[in-house]
Amino acid sequence: MKVENKTTPSEKGQTVLNVLRIAVTNALDKKQKLGQYAVVWDGQKTVLSGNDAPGK
C-alpha cells in the first residue's frame, strides 16, 4: 500500500474531515451537557476535561 501525503485533502477528503469535526463537536457538547468528562489529546498528552473528571 502506498501512502501519499498531500498538503491539502481532496474535495471528498475535505468533506469527510468536515463531517468528522461536526460529529466530534456534537459528541463533546453532548457530554458537557450531560455533565460527563471527556478525554482529549492536547498535542503532547491526554487531558481529562469536565466537572466529574477523575482527579478533580
Protein backbone atom coordinates (compact mmCIF):
# COMPACT_ATOMS: atom_id res chain seq x y z
CA MET A 1 0.00 0.00 0.00
CA LYS A 2 1.38 3.35 -1.00
CA VAL A 3 0.61 6.34 1.22
CA GLU A 4 0.67 9.78 -0.34
CA ASN A 5 0.91 12.89 1.80
CA LYS A 6 -0.85 15.86 0.27
CA THR A 7 -0.74 19.37 1.63
CA THR A 8 -4.49 19.75 1.13
CA PRO A 9 -7.09 17.00 1.13
CA SER A 10 -9.16 16.24 -1.94
CA GLU A 11 -12.70 17.61 -2.11
CA LYS A 12 -14.08 14.28 -0.87
CA GLY A 13 -11.44 14.12 1.87
CA GLN A 14 -12.31 17.67 2.98
CA THR A 15 -15.99 16.71 3.14
CA VAL A 16 -15.19 13.68 5.30
CA LEU A 17 -12.96 15.79 7.55
CA ASN A 18 -15.72 18.39 8.00
CA VAL A 19 -18.29 15.71 8.86
CA LEU A 20 -15.92 14.18 11.42
CA ARG A 21 -15.27 17.59 13.01
CA ILE A 22 -19.02 18.20 13.32
CA ALA A 23 -19.58 14.74 14.81
CA VAL A 24 -16.82 15.21 17.40
CA THR A 25 -18.07 18.69 18.30
CA ASN A 26 -21.59 17.34 18.78
CA ALA A 27 -20.36 14.43 20.91
CA LEU A 28 -18.29 16.73 23.13
CA ASP A 29 -21.20 19.17 23.51
CA LYS A 30 -23.50 16.30 24.49
CA LYS A 31 -21.01 15.02 27.08
CA GLN A 32 -20.71 18.53 28.54
CA LYS A 33 -24.49 18.96 28.75
CA LEU A 34 -24.79 15.58 30.48
CA GLY A 35 -22.05 16.54 32.94
CA GLN A 36 -19.68 13.85 31.71
CA TYR A 37 -15.95 14.24 31.31
CA ALA A 38 -14.04 13.85 28.06
CA VAL A 39 -10.52 12.67 27.31
CA VAL A 40 -8.76 14.71 24.62
CA TRP A 41 -5.23 14.97 23.24
CA ASP A 42 -3.55 18.38 23.59
CA GLY A 43 -0.70 17.56 21.23
CA GLN A 44 1.63 16.15 23.90
CA LYS A 45 -0.51 14.25 26.42
CA THR A 46 -4.04 13.21 27.24
CA VAL A 47 -6.17 15.70 29.14
CA LEU A 48 -9.29 14.92 31.18
CA SER A 49 -11.79 17.76 31.00
CA GLY A 50 -15.14 18.20 32.68
CA ASN A 51 -16.54 18.62 36.17
CA ASP A 52 -16.52 14.90 37.01
CA ALA A 53 -13.08 14.13 35.55
CA PRO A 54 -11.07 11.74 37.74
CA GLY A 55 -8.54 13.54 39.90
CA LYS A 56 -10.57 16.71 40.29
